[in-house]
Amino acid sequence: MIKQQLGDRLDGWIHTAFPFLFARPLNPNLLTVIGAIGSIAAAAAFAAGWLVSGGILMLASGFFDLVDGVVARHRGISTRFGAFLDSTLDRLADVVVLVGLSIYFARIGEPGTVLLTGSALTATVLVSYSAACAKLFVPAGINVGLFERGERVGLLAAGAILGFVVPALWILLIGSTATLAQRFVRAYREMERLDAEDRNSLEDRALRTKI
C-alpha cells in the first residue's frame, strides 16, 4: 500500500536522500540478497532474545528491499529474474523473522504467544500467496489491502524496538487476515468478470458461426 500510494515520488525521494546508491553501477540483485541476509540476521537476533537489535536489522533489511527496485529502474536493468528473486526472498524474510520470534517465545515458556506468532506467520504467507496465485488468472493482479509487506515490516520492527512486540503480533494477525479477506473478495469479483467476458465471447462466436 505504501508503494502504491507514493508511486513514482518514492523513486525521486530515494534519489535525493541516498545519492550514493546511484553514483556507482550497483547490482540491484545484490541489494536484494543483502536485504534477505539482513532478515536472517534479524531472525537470529529475535531467537536470541535481542528484540531491539532484531527490529533495527529488520529496518535495515527493509531499506535494501525498498531501494533495489529503484536502482534497477535507474539503471534500466529491471529483469524478470530480478522480480522473481525479489519476490522469493521477500517470502523468506517474512517467514524467518516470525520463526525467530517463535523460537524466542518458546525459549521463555510462552506457548500462547508461540501460537499467536505462528498464526500471524500463516496469515502473512497467505496474503502474499493469494496475490501471486491470482496473477495466474487475473493479469492486473489483486494487490489490495492495508497490510502489504511494507506495513508488516514497519509494524513488527517498531514493536520489537519500542517494546510492544506482542500487541504488534496481534495487529499483524488481524490486519493480515483482513487483507486476505479483501483479496479473496477482489479475486472473486475479477474472476467472475473475466469468466463472464469469456462466456460472452463464446456466445458471440457461436452466433457468428450460425449466421
N, C-alpha and C. Protein backbone atom coordinates (compact mmCIF):
# COMPACT_ATOMS: atom_id res chain seq x y z
N MET A 1 0.82 -1.21 0.00
CA MET A 1 0.00 0.00 0.00
C MET A 1 0.86 1.26 0.00
N ILE A 2 1.96 1.25 0.75
CA ILE A 2 2.85 2.41 0.80
C ILE A 2 3.39 2.71 -0.59
N LYS A 3 3.92 1.69 -1.26
CA LYS A 3 4.49 1.89 -2.58
C LYS A 3 3.44 2.35 -3.58
N GLN A 4 2.22 1.80 -3.48
CA GLN A 4 1.15 2.17 -4.40
C GLN A 4 0.75 3.62 -4.21
N GLN A 5 0.69 4.09 -2.96
CA GLN A 5 0.28 5.45 -2.70
C GLN A 5 1.34 6.47 -3.11
N LEU A 6 2.59 6.13 -2.85
CA LEU A 6 3.66 7.07 -3.16
C LEU A 6 4.03 7.07 -4.64
N GLY A 7 3.92 5.89 -5.27
CA GLY A 7 4.17 5.79 -6.71
C GLY A 7 5.56 6.24 -7.09
N ASP A 8 5.63 7.02 -8.20
CA ASP A 8 6.92 7.46 -8.73
C ASP A 8 7.62 8.44 -7.79
N ARG A 9 6.87 9.08 -6.89
CA ARG A 9 7.51 10.04 -5.98
C ARG A 9 8.55 9.36 -5.10
N LEU A 10 8.31 8.09 -4.77
CA LEU A 10 9.25 7.36 -3.92
C LEU A 10 10.62 7.28 -4.57
N ASP A 11 10.65 7.03 -5.88
CA ASP A 11 11.92 6.95 -6.59
C ASP A 11 12.68 8.28 -6.46
N GLY A 12 11.96 9.39 -6.65
CA GLY A 12 12.61 10.70 -6.56
C GLY A 12 13.16 10.98 -5.18
N TRP A 13 12.40 10.61 -4.16
CA TRP A 13 12.86 10.84 -2.79
C TRP A 13 14.11 10.02 -2.48
N ILE A 14 14.13 8.78 -2.95
CA ILE A 14 15.30 7.94 -2.70
C ILE A 14 16.51 8.47 -3.45
N HIS A 15 16.33 8.95 -4.66
CA HIS A 15 17.43 9.57 -5.40
C HIS A 15 18.00 10.76 -4.63
N THR A 16 17.12 11.56 -4.05
CA THR A 16 17.55 12.76 -3.33
C THR A 16 18.22 12.41 -2.00
N ALA A 17 17.64 11.47 -1.27
CA ALA A 17 18.12 11.15 0.07
C ALA A 17 19.37 10.27 0.07
N PHE A 18 19.51 9.41 -0.94
CA PHE A 18 20.62 8.45 -0.97
C PHE A 18 21.32 8.48 -2.33
N PRO A 19 21.94 9.60 -2.67
CA PRO A 19 22.58 9.71 -4.00
C PRO A 19 23.73 8.73 -4.21
N PHE A 20 24.33 8.25 -3.10
CA PHE A 20 25.46 7.32 -3.24
C PHE A 20 25.05 6.00 -3.88
N LEU A 21 23.75 5.67 -3.80
CA LEU A 21 23.28 4.43 -4.42
C LEU A 21 23.37 4.47 -5.94
N PHE A 22 23.41 5.68 -6.50
CA PHE A 22 23.37 5.82 -7.95
C PHE A 22 24.69 6.36 -8.51
N ALA A 23 25.66 6.56 -7.62
CA ALA A 23 26.96 7.07 -8.06
C ALA A 23 27.79 5.99 -8.74
N ARG A 24 27.54 4.73 -8.38
CA ARG A 24 28.27 3.60 -8.95
C ARG A 24 27.27 2.56 -9.48
N PRO A 25 27.70 1.74 -10.41
CA PRO A 25 26.79 0.74 -11.00
C PRO A 25 26.53 -0.45 -10.08
N LEU A 26 25.69 -0.23 -9.07
CA LEU A 26 25.35 -1.32 -8.15
C LEU A 26 24.44 -2.33 -8.82
N ASN A 27 24.62 -3.59 -8.46
CA ASN A 27 23.75 -4.65 -8.97
C ASN A 27 22.52 -4.73 -8.07
N PRO A 28 21.32 -4.46 -8.59
CA PRO A 28 20.12 -4.50 -7.73
C PRO A 28 19.87 -5.87 -7.13
N ASN A 29 20.25 -6.94 -7.83
CA ASN A 29 20.07 -8.28 -7.27
C ASN A 29 20.92 -8.47 -6.02
N LEU A 30 22.10 -7.86 -6.01
CA LEU A 30 22.96 -7.93 -4.83
C LEU A 30 22.30 -7.22 -3.65
N LEU A 31 21.66 -6.09 -3.91
CA LEU A 31 20.95 -5.38 -2.85
C LEU A 31 19.81 -6.24 -2.30
N THR A 32 19.12 -6.96 -3.20
CA THR A 32 18.05 -7.85 -2.77
C THR A 32 18.57 -8.94 -1.84
N VAL A 33 19.71 -9.53 -2.21
CA VAL A 33 20.30 -10.60 -1.40
C VAL A 33 20.77 -10.06 -0.05
N ILE A 34 21.37 -8.86 -0.05
CA ILE A 34 21.81 -8.26 1.21
C ILE A 34 20.61 -8.04 2.14
N GLY A 35 19.50 -7.59 1.57
CA GLY A 35 18.29 -7.41 2.37
C GLY A 35 17.82 -8.71 2.99
N ALA A 36 17.89 -9.80 2.22
CA ALA A 36 17.48 -11.11 2.74
C ALA A 36 18.41 -11.56 3.86
N ILE A 37 19.70 -11.33 3.69
CA ILE A 37 20.66 -11.68 4.74
C ILE A 37 20.37 -10.89 6.01
N GLY A 38 19.99 -9.63 5.84
CA GLY A 38 19.63 -8.81 6.99
C GLY A 38 18.43 -9.37 7.73
N SER A 39 17.47 -9.91 6.99
CA SER A 39 16.29 -10.52 7.62
C SER A 39 16.67 -11.78 8.40
N ILE A 40 17.57 -12.56 7.83
CA ILE A 40 18.04 -13.77 8.53
C ILE A 40 18.77 -13.38 9.82
N ALA A 41 19.57 -12.31 9.74
CA ALA A 41 20.26 -11.83 10.93
C ALA A 41 19.25 -11.33 11.97
N ALA A 42 18.18 -10.66 11.51
CA ALA A 42 17.14 -10.20 12.43
C ALA A 42 16.46 -11.39 13.11
N ALA A 43 16.20 -12.44 12.34
CA ALA A 43 15.59 -13.65 12.90
C ALA A 43 16.48 -14.26 13.97
N ALA A 44 17.79 -14.31 13.71
CA ALA A 44 18.72 -14.86 14.69
C ALA A 44 18.74 -14.01 15.96
N ALA A 45 18.68 -12.69 15.79
CA ALA A 45 18.64 -11.79 16.95
C ALA A 45 17.36 -12.01 17.75
N PHE A 46 16.24 -12.14 17.07
CA PHE A 46 14.98 -12.41 17.77
C PHE A 46 15.06 -13.72 18.55
N ALA A 47 15.57 -14.76 17.90
CA ALA A 47 15.66 -16.07 18.55
C ALA A 47 16.52 -16.00 19.81
N ALA A 48 17.55 -15.14 19.78
CA ALA A 48 18.43 -14.99 20.93
C ALA A 48 17.85 -14.08 22.01
N GLY A 49 16.73 -13.44 21.71
CA GLY A 49 16.11 -12.54 22.68
C GLY A 49 16.54 -11.10 22.56
N TRP A 50 17.29 -10.76 21.52
CA TRP A 50 17.74 -9.38 21.30
C TRP A 50 16.71 -8.68 20.41
N LEU A 51 15.59 -8.31 21.00
CA LEU A 51 14.47 -7.80 20.23
C LEU A 51 14.77 -6.45 19.57
N VAL A 52 15.41 -5.57 20.31
CA VAL A 52 15.73 -4.25 19.75
C VAL A 52 16.68 -4.39 18.57
N SER A 53 17.72 -5.21 18.73
CA SER A 53 18.66 -5.43 17.62
C SER A 53 17.94 -6.05 16.42
N GLY A 54 17.05 -7.00 16.69
CA GLY A 54 16.30 -7.61 15.61
C GLY A 54 15.44 -6.60 14.88
N GLY A 55 14.79 -5.70 15.62
CA GLY A 55 13.97 -4.66 14.99
C GLY A 55 14.79 -3.74 14.12
N ILE A 56 15.97 -3.36 14.60
CA ILE A 56 16.85 -2.48 13.81
C ILE A 56 17.31 -3.19 12.54
N LEU A 57 17.66 -4.47 12.67
CA LEU A 57 18.08 -5.24 11.50
C LEU A 57 16.93 -5.40 10.50
N MET A 58 15.70 -5.52 11.00
CA MET A 58 14.55 -5.58 10.11
C MET A 58 14.42 -4.29 9.30
N LEU A 59 14.61 -3.15 9.95
CA LEU A 59 14.52 -1.87 9.24
C LEU A 59 15.62 -1.75 8.20
N ALA A 60 16.83 -2.20 8.56
CA ALA A 60 17.93 -2.16 7.60
C ALA A 60 17.63 -3.05 6.40
N SER A 61 17.09 -4.23 6.67
CA SER A 61 16.71 -5.14 5.59
C SER A 61 15.63 -4.52 4.72
N GLY A 62 14.65 -3.88 5.36
CA GLY A 62 13.58 -3.23 4.61
C GLY A 62 14.09 -2.12 3.72
N PHE A 63 15.14 -1.44 4.15
CA PHE A 63 15.73 -0.39 3.32
C PHE A 63 16.26 -0.96 2.01
N PHE A 64 16.98 -2.08 2.10
CA PHE A 64 17.51 -2.69 0.89
C PHE A 64 16.38 -3.20 -0.02
N ASP A 65 15.32 -3.70 0.61
CA ASP A 65 14.18 -4.16 -0.17
C ASP A 65 13.49 -3.00 -0.87
N LEU A 66 13.55 -1.83 -0.27
CA LEU A 66 12.92 -0.64 -0.84
C LEU A 66 13.70 -0.09 -2.02
N VAL A 67 15.04 -0.13 -1.92
CA VAL A 67 15.85 0.58 -2.93
C VAL A 67 16.28 -0.31 -4.09
N ASP A 68 16.18 -1.64 -3.96
CA ASP A 68 16.69 -2.47 -5.05
C ASP A 68 15.95 -2.22 -6.36
N GLY A 69 14.63 -2.07 -6.28
CA GLY A 69 13.85 -1.79 -7.48
C GLY A 69 14.13 -0.42 -8.05
N VAL A 70 14.37 0.56 -7.17
CA VAL A 70 14.68 1.92 -7.63
C VAL A 70 16.00 1.93 -8.39
N VAL A 71 16.99 1.23 -7.86
CA VAL A 71 18.30 1.14 -8.53
C VAL A 71 18.15 0.44 -9.88
N ALA A 72 17.36 -0.63 -9.93
CA ALA A 72 17.16 -1.35 -11.19
C ALA A 72 16.51 -0.46 -12.24
N ARG A 73 15.50 0.31 -11.85
CA ARG A 73 14.83 1.21 -12.80
C ARG A 73 15.75 2.33 -13.23
N HIS A 74 16.57 2.83 -12.30
CA HIS A 74 17.51 3.91 -12.62
C HIS A 74 18.52 3.46 -13.67
N ARG A 75 18.98 2.24 -13.53
CA ARG A 75 19.98 1.73 -14.47
C ARG A 75 19.36 1.10 -15.71
N GLY A 76 18.03 0.97 -15.72
CA GLY A 76 17.36 0.39 -16.87
C GLY A 76 17.63 -1.09 -17.03
N ILE A 77 17.77 -1.79 -15.91
CA ILE A 77 18.11 -3.22 -16.00
C ILE A 77 17.11 -4.06 -15.21
N SER A 78 15.86 -3.62 -15.13
CA SER A 78 14.83 -4.44 -14.49
C SER A 78 14.64 -5.71 -15.31
N THR A 79 14.69 -6.84 -14.65
CA THR A 79 14.58 -8.13 -15.35
C THR A 79 13.53 -9.01 -14.68
N ARG A 80 13.07 -10.01 -15.42
CA ARG A 80 12.12 -10.97 -14.87
C ARG A 80 12.76 -11.75 -13.71
N PHE A 81 14.03 -12.12 -13.89
CA PHE A 81 14.68 -12.86 -12.81
C PHE A 81 14.83 -11.99 -11.57
N GLY A 82 15.11 -10.72 -11.75
CA GLY A 82 15.23 -9.81 -10.61
C GLY A 82 13.92 -9.73 -9.84
N ALA A 83 12.80 -9.65 -10.57
CA ALA A 83 11.49 -9.62 -9.91
C ALA A 83 11.21 -10.94 -9.19
N PHE A 84 11.57 -12.06 -9.83
CA PHE A 84 11.40 -13.38 -9.21
C PHE A 84 12.24 -13.49 -7.94
N LEU A 85 13.50 -13.06 -8.03
CA LEU A 85 14.40 -13.13 -6.87
C LEU A 85 13.86 -12.28 -5.73
N ASP A 86 13.43 -11.08 -6.04
CA ASP A 86 12.92 -10.17 -5.02
C ASP A 86 11.70 -10.75 -4.33
N SER A 87 10.76 -11.29 -5.12
CA SER A 87 9.54 -11.85 -4.55
C SER A 87 9.84 -13.07 -3.68
N THR A 88 10.73 -13.93 -4.17
CA THR A 88 11.06 -15.15 -3.42
C THR A 88 11.75 -14.84 -2.10
N LEU A 89 12.72 -13.93 -2.13
CA LEU A 89 13.45 -13.59 -0.91
C LEU A 89 12.59 -12.78 0.05
N ASP A 90 11.61 -12.04 -0.47
CA ASP A 90 10.65 -11.38 0.42
C ASP A 90 9.88 -12.40 1.25
N ARG A 91 9.49 -13.50 0.59
CA ARG A 91 8.77 -14.54 1.33
C ARG A 91 9.68 -15.17 2.38
N LEU A 92 10.95 -15.39 2.02
CA LEU A 92 11.91 -15.91 3.00
C LEU A 92 12.00 -14.98 4.20
N ALA A 93 12.11 -13.68 3.94
CA ALA A 93 12.23 -12.71 5.02
C ALA A 93 10.98 -12.71 5.90
N ASP A 94 9.80 -12.78 5.27
CA ASP A 94 8.55 -12.81 6.05
C ASP A 94 8.54 -13.98 7.02
N VAL A 95 9.01 -15.14 6.54
CA VAL A 95 8.93 -16.36 7.34
C VAL A 95 9.98 -16.37 8.45
N VAL A 96 11.23 -16.06 8.11
CA VAL A 96 12.30 -16.28 9.09
C VAL A 96 12.17 -15.39 10.31
N VAL A 97 11.74 -14.13 10.13
CA VAL A 97 11.67 -13.25 11.30
C VAL A 97 10.61 -13.74 12.29
N LEU A 98 9.51 -14.27 11.77
CA LEU A 98 8.47 -14.78 12.67
C LEU A 98 8.87 -16.12 13.27
N VAL A 99 9.63 -16.92 12.53
CA VAL A 99 10.17 -18.15 13.12
C VAL A 99 11.13 -17.79 14.25
N GLY A 100 11.95 -16.76 14.03
CA GLY A 100 12.86 -16.32 15.08
C GLY A 100 12.12 -15.90 16.34
N LEU A 101 11.02 -15.16 16.17
CA LEU A 101 10.22 -14.76 17.32
C LEU A 101 9.57 -15.97 17.99
N SER A 102 9.12 -16.94 17.20
CA SER A 102 8.53 -18.16 17.77
C SER A 102 9.53 -18.89 18.66
N ILE A 103 10.78 -18.96 18.17
CA ILE A 103 11.82 -19.62 18.97
C ILE A 103 12.04 -18.88 20.28
N TYR A 104 12.05 -17.56 20.21
CA TYR A 104 12.25 -16.76 21.42
C TYR A 104 11.13 -17.01 22.43
N PHE A 105 9.89 -16.95 21.98
CA PHE A 105 8.77 -17.14 22.91
C PHE A 105 8.71 -18.57 23.44
N ALA A 106 9.14 -19.54 22.63
CA ALA A 106 9.22 -20.92 23.12
C ALA A 106 10.28 -21.05 24.20
N ARG A 107 11.41 -20.36 24.00
CA ARG A 107 12.50 -20.43 24.98
C ARG A 107 12.09 -19.86 26.33
N ILE A 108 11.26 -18.80 26.32
CA ILE A 108 10.91 -18.17 27.60
C ILE A 108 9.60 -18.74 28.16
N GLY A 109 9.08 -19.81 27.51
CA GLY A 109 7.93 -20.51 28.05
C GLY A 109 6.60 -19.80 27.88
N GLU A 110 6.33 -19.28 26.69
CA GLU A 110 5.05 -18.62 26.40
C GLU A 110 4.39 -19.31 25.21
N PRO A 111 3.79 -20.49 25.42
CA PRO A 111 3.20 -21.24 24.30
C PRO A 111 2.06 -20.49 23.61
N GLY A 112 1.30 -19.69 24.37
CA GLY A 112 0.23 -18.93 23.76
C GLY A 112 0.75 -17.92 22.75
N THR A 113 1.87 -17.29 23.06
CA THR A 113 2.46 -16.31 22.14
C THR A 113 3.12 -17.01 20.95
N VAL A 114 3.62 -18.23 21.19
CA VAL A 114 4.13 -19.02 20.06
C VAL A 114 3.00 -19.30 19.07
N LEU A 115 1.83 -19.66 19.61
CA LEU A 115 0.66 -19.90 18.75
C LEU A 115 0.25 -18.63 18.02
N LEU A 116 0.27 -17.50 18.72
CA LEU A 116 -0.05 -16.21 18.09
C LEU A 116 0.92 -15.91 16.95
N THR A 117 2.20 -16.13 17.20
CA THR A 117 3.21 -15.86 16.18
C THR A 117 3.04 -16.77 14.97
N GLY A 118 2.75 -18.05 15.23
CA GLY A 118 2.51 -18.99 14.13
C GLY A 118 1.29 -18.61 13.32
N SER A 119 0.24 -18.12 14.01
CA SER A 119 -0.97 -17.69 13.30
C SER A 119 -0.69 -16.47 12.44
N ALA A 120 0.09 -15.53 12.98
CA ALA A 120 0.47 -14.35 12.20
C ALA A 120 1.31 -14.74 11.00
N LEU A 121 2.18 -15.72 11.18
CA LEU A 121 3.00 -16.20 10.07
C LEU A 121 2.13 -16.80 8.98
N THR A 122 1.15 -17.61 9.36
CA THR A 122 0.26 -18.23 8.38
C THR A 122 -0.50 -17.17 7.59
N ALA A 123 -1.06 -16.18 8.29
CA ALA A 123 -1.82 -15.13 7.62
C ALA A 123 -0.92 -14.32 6.68
N THR A 124 0.30 -14.04 7.13
CA THR A 124 1.25 -13.27 6.32
C THR A 124 1.58 -14.00 5.03
N VAL A 125 1.87 -15.29 5.13
CA VAL A 125 2.21 -16.07 3.94
C VAL A 125 1.03 -16.14 2.98
N LEU A 126 -0.18 -16.29 3.51
CA LEU A 126 -1.35 -16.38 2.66
C LEU A 126 -1.65 -15.06 1.95
N VAL A 127 -1.37 -13.95 2.59
CA VAL A 127 -1.55 -12.65 1.93
C VAL A 127 -0.69 -12.57 0.68
N SER A 128 0.57 -12.95 0.80
CA SER A 128 1.48 -12.90 -0.34
C SER A 128 1.12 -13.97 -1.38
N TYR A 129 0.79 -15.17 -0.91
CA TYR A 129 0.48 -16.26 -1.84
C TYR A 129 -0.78 -15.97 -2.64
N SER A 130 -1.78 -15.38 -2.00
CA SER A 130 -3.03 -15.10 -2.70
C SER A 130 -2.79 -14.16 -3.88
N ALA A 131 -1.92 -13.16 -3.69
CA ALA A 131 -1.63 -12.23 -4.78
C ALA A 131 -0.88 -12.93 -5.91
N ALA A 132 0.10 -13.77 -5.54
CA ALA A 132 0.88 -14.48 -6.56
C ALA A 132 0.01 -15.46 -7.33
N CYS A 133 -0.86 -16.17 -6.63
CA CYS A 133 -1.72 -17.16 -7.27
C CYS A 133 -2.75 -16.48 -8.18
N ALA A 134 -3.28 -15.36 -7.75
CA ALA A 134 -4.31 -14.66 -8.53
C ALA A 134 -3.77 -14.18 -9.88
N LYS A 135 -2.47 -13.88 -9.94
CA LYS A 135 -1.89 -13.40 -11.20
C LYS A 135 -1.97 -14.45 -12.30
N LEU A 136 -2.14 -15.72 -11.93
CA LEU A 136 -2.31 -16.77 -12.93
C LEU A 136 -3.63 -16.62 -13.68
N PHE A 137 -4.60 -15.95 -13.02
CA PHE A 137 -5.94 -15.84 -13.58
C PHE A 137 -6.37 -14.39 -13.85
N VAL A 138 -5.79 -13.46 -13.09
CA VAL A 138 -6.14 -12.04 -13.23
C VAL A 138 -4.86 -11.28 -13.57
N PRO A 139 -4.66 -10.95 -14.84
CA PRO A 139 -3.40 -10.29 -15.24
C PRO A 139 -3.10 -9.01 -14.47
N ALA A 140 -4.14 -8.26 -14.12
CA ALA A 140 -3.91 -6.99 -13.40
C ALA A 140 -3.54 -7.20 -11.95
N GLY A 141 -3.75 -8.41 -11.43
CA GLY A 141 -3.41 -8.69 -10.04
C GLY A 141 -4.49 -8.23 -9.07
N ILE A 142 -4.31 -8.55 -7.80
CA ILE A 142 -5.27 -8.18 -6.76
C ILE A 142 -4.55 -7.59 -5.55
N ASN A 143 -3.56 -6.77 -5.77
CA ASN A 143 -2.78 -6.22 -4.66
C ASN A 143 -3.56 -5.12 -3.95
N VAL A 144 -4.51 -5.55 -3.14
CA VAL A 144 -5.30 -4.61 -2.35
C VAL A 144 -5.13 -4.95 -0.88
N GLY A 145 -5.54 -4.03 -0.02
CA GLY A 145 -5.48 -4.31 1.41
C GLY A 145 -4.52 -3.39 2.14
N LEU A 146 -4.74 -3.26 3.44
CA LEU A 146 -3.95 -2.35 4.25
C LEU A 146 -2.59 -2.91 4.64
N PHE A 147 -2.49 -4.24 4.77
CA PHE A 147 -1.29 -4.83 5.33
C PHE A 147 -0.47 -5.55 4.26
N GLU A 148 0.19 -4.76 3.41
CA GLU A 148 1.15 -5.33 2.49
C GLU A 148 2.51 -5.39 3.19
N ARG A 149 3.54 -5.76 2.45
CA ARG A 149 4.80 -6.09 3.13
C ARG A 149 5.42 -4.90 3.87
N GLY A 150 5.39 -3.74 3.28
CA GLY A 150 5.99 -2.57 3.92
C GLY A 150 5.37 -2.27 5.27
N GLU A 151 4.05 -2.35 5.34
CA GLU A 151 3.36 -2.12 6.60
C GLU A 151 3.69 -3.19 7.63
N ARG A 152 3.79 -4.43 7.17
CA ARG A 152 4.08 -5.52 8.10
C ARG A 152 5.48 -5.38 8.69
N VAL A 153 6.45 -5.08 7.85
CA VAL A 153 7.83 -4.92 8.33
C VAL A 153 7.92 -3.75 9.31
N GLY A 154 7.32 -2.61 8.95
CA GLY A 154 7.38 -1.44 9.82
C GLY A 154 6.73 -1.68 11.17
N LEU A 155 5.59 -2.34 11.16
CA LEU A 155 4.88 -2.62 12.41
C LEU A 155 5.68 -3.55 13.32
N LEU A 156 6.19 -4.64 12.76
CA LEU A 156 6.90 -5.62 13.59
C LEU A 156 8.22 -5.04 14.10
N ALA A 157 8.91 -4.29 13.25
CA ALA A 157 10.17 -3.67 13.68
C ALA A 157 9.92 -2.66 14.80
N ALA A 158 8.88 -1.84 14.64
CA ALA A 158 8.56 -0.85 15.68
C ALA A 158 8.18 -1.54 16.98
N GLY A 159 7.40 -2.63 16.87
CA GLY A 159 7.03 -3.35 18.08
C GLY A 159 8.23 -3.91 18.81
N ALA A 160 9.19 -4.45 18.06
CA ALA A 160 10.39 -5.02 18.69
C ALA A 160 11.25 -3.94 19.33
N ILE A 161 11.39 -2.80 18.65
CA ILE A 161 12.26 -1.73 19.16
C ILE A 161 11.64 -1.01 20.34
N LEU A 162 10.33 -0.77 20.28
CA LEU A 162 9.65 0.03 21.30
C LEU A 162 9.06 -0.79 22.43
N GLY A 163 9.15 -2.12 22.34
CA GLY A 163 8.72 -2.96 23.45
C GLY A 163 7.26 -3.35 23.44
N PHE A 164 6.59 -3.34 22.27
CA PHE A 164 5.21 -3.81 22.22
C PHE A 164 5.06 -4.89 21.13
N VAL A 165 5.98 -5.84 21.15
CA VAL A 165 6.01 -6.85 20.10
C VAL A 165 4.77 -7.74 20.13
N VAL A 166 4.26 -8.07 21.30
CA VAL A 166 3.06 -8.93 21.35
C VAL A 166 1.84 -8.19 20.80
N PRO A 167 1.55 -6.94 21.22
CA PRO A 167 0.46 -6.22 20.56
C PRO A 167 0.68 -6.08 19.06
N ALA A 168 1.94 -5.90 18.64
CA ALA A 168 2.23 -5.79 17.21
C ALA A 168 1.87 -7.08 16.48
N LEU A 169 2.11 -8.21 17.13
CA LEU A 169 1.75 -9.50 16.52
C LEU A 169 0.23 -9.64 16.38
N TRP A 170 -0.51 -9.17 17.39
CA TRP A 170 -1.98 -9.21 17.29
C TRP A 170 -2.47 -8.33 16.14
N ILE A 171 -1.91 -7.14 16.03
CA ILE A 171 -2.29 -6.23 14.95
C ILE A 171 -1.92 -6.85 13.60
N LEU A 172 -0.75 -7.48 13.55
CA LEU A 172 -0.29 -8.13 12.33
C LEU A 172 -1.24 -9.25 11.92
N LEU A 173 -1.66 -10.05 12.89
CA LEU A 173 -2.58 -11.15 12.60
C LEU A 173 -3.93 -10.63 12.11
N ILE A 174 -4.49 -9.68 12.82
CA ILE A 174 -5.80 -9.15 12.44
C ILE A 174 -5.73 -8.42 11.11
N GLY A 175 -4.71 -7.58 10.95
CA GLY A 175 -4.58 -6.81 9.70
C GLY A 175 -4.32 -7.70 8.50
N SER A 176 -3.48 -8.71 8.66
CA SER A 176 -3.19 -9.63 7.56
C SER A 176 -4.41 -10.46 7.19
N THR A 177 -5.17 -10.89 8.21
CA THR A 177 -6.39 -11.65 7.94
C THR A 177 -7.40 -10.79 7.19
N ALA A 178 -7.53 -9.53 7.58
CA ALA A 178 -8.44 -8.62 6.89
C ALA A 178 -7.99 -8.39 5.45
N THR A 179 -6.68 -8.25 5.25
CA THR A 179 -6.15 -8.06 3.90
C THR A 179 -6.41 -9.29 3.04
N LEU A 180 -6.23 -10.47 3.63
CA LEU A 180 -6.51 -11.71 2.91
C LEU A 180 -7.98 -11.77 2.48
N ALA A 181 -8.87 -11.37 3.38
CA ALA A 181 -10.30 -11.35 3.05
C ALA A 181 -10.58 -10.37 1.91
N GLN A 182 -9.94 -9.20 1.95
CA GLN A 182 -10.11 -8.23 0.88
C GLN A 182 -9.66 -8.81 -0.46
N ARG A 183 -8.57 -9.54 -0.43
CA ARG A 183 -8.04 -10.10 -1.68
C ARG A 183 -8.93 -11.22 -2.21
N PHE A 184 -9.53 -11.98 -1.32
CA PHE A 184 -10.46 -13.01 -1.77
C PHE A 184 -11.67 -12.38 -2.45
N VAL A 185 -12.16 -11.30 -1.86
CA VAL A 185 -13.31 -10.61 -2.45
C VAL A 185 -12.94 -10.04 -3.81
N ARG A 186 -11.79 -9.38 -3.90
CA ARG A 186 -11.36 -8.82 -5.18
C ARG A 186 -11.13 -9.92 -6.22
N ALA A 187 -10.50 -11.01 -5.80
CA ALA A 187 -10.26 -12.12 -6.73
C ALA A 187 -11.57 -12.69 -7.25
N TYR A 188 -12.55 -12.87 -6.35
CA TYR A 188 -13.85 -13.41 -6.77
C TYR A 188 -14.50 -12.49 -7.81
N ARG A 189 -14.50 -11.20 -7.54
CA ARG A 189 -15.15 -10.26 -8.45
C ARG A 189 -14.45 -10.21 -9.80
N GLU A 190 -13.12 -10.16 -9.78
CA GLU A 190 -12.37 -10.08 -11.04
C GLU A 190 -12.50 -11.36 -11.85
N MET A 191 -12.44 -12.50 -11.17
CA MET A 191 -12.54 -13.77 -11.89
C MET A 191 -13.94 -14.00 -12.43
N GLU A 192 -14.96 -13.58 -11.68
CA GLU A 192 -16.33 -13.66 -12.19
C GLU A 192 -16.50 -12.78 -13.42
N ARG A 193 -15.91 -11.59 -13.39
CA ARG A 193 -15.99 -10.68 -14.54
C ARG A 193 -15.31 -11.28 -15.76
N LEU A 194 -14.13 -11.85 -15.56
CA LEU A 194 -13.40 -12.44 -16.67
C LEU A 194 -14.13 -13.67 -17.22
N ASP A 195 -14.70 -14.48 -16.32
CA ASP A 195 -15.47 -15.64 -16.78
C ASP A 195 -16.68 -15.21 -17.59
N ALA A 196 -17.33 -14.12 -17.16
CA ALA A 196 -18.48 -13.61 -17.90
C ALA A 196 -18.06 -13.12 -19.28
N GLU A 197 -16.91 -12.44 -19.35
CA GLU A 197 -16.42 -11.98 -20.65
C GLU A 197 -16.11 -13.16 -21.56
N ASP A 198 -15.54 -14.22 -21.00
CA ASP A 198 -15.25 -15.41 -21.80
C ASP A 198 -16.54 -16.06 -22.32
N ARG A 199 -17.55 -16.14 -21.46
CA ARG A 199 -18.82 -16.73 -21.89
C ARG A 199 -19.47 -15.90 -22.99
N ASN A 200 -19.42 -14.58 -22.84
CA ASN A 200 -20.00 -13.70 -23.86
C ASN A 200 -19.26 -13.84 -25.18
N SER A 201 -17.92 -13.98 -25.07
CA SER A 201 -17.12 -14.13 -26.28
C SER A 201 -17.47 -15.43 -27.00
N LEU A 202 -17.65 -16.51 -26.23
CA LEU A 202 -18.03 -17.80 -26.83
C LEU A 202 -19.41 -17.73 -27.48
N GLU A 203 -20.32 -17.05 -26.82
CA GLU A 203 -21.67 -16.90 -27.38
C GLU A 203 -21.66 -16.10 -28.67
N ASP A 204 -20.83 -15.04 -28.69
CA ASP A 204 -20.72 -14.23 -29.91
C ASP A 204 -20.17 -15.05 -31.06
N ARG A 205 -19.14 -15.85 -30.79
CA ARG A 205 -18.55 -16.66 -31.84
C ARG A 205 -19.53 -17.72 -32.35
N ALA A 206 -20.28 -18.30 -31.40
CA ALA A 206 -21.28 -19.30 -31.81
C ALA A 206 -22.36 -18.67 -32.68
N LEU A 207 -22.79 -17.45 -32.32
CA LEU A 207 -23.80 -16.75 -33.09
C LEU A 207 -23.30 -16.44 -34.51
N ARG A 208 -22.05 -15.97 -34.58
CA ARG A 208 -21.49 -15.64 -35.89
C ARG A 208 -21.35 -16.88 -36.77
N THR A 209 -21.02 -18.01 -36.13
CA THR A 209 -20.90 -19.26 -36.88
C THR A 209 -22.24 -19.67 -37.47
N LYS A 210 -23.30 -19.50 -36.70
CA LYS A 210 -24.64 -19.84 -37.20
C LYS A 210 -25.04 -18.94 -38.35
N ILE A 211 -24.70 -17.66 -38.25
CA ILE A 211 -25.04 -16.72 -39.31
C ILE A 211 -24.25 -17.03 -40.57
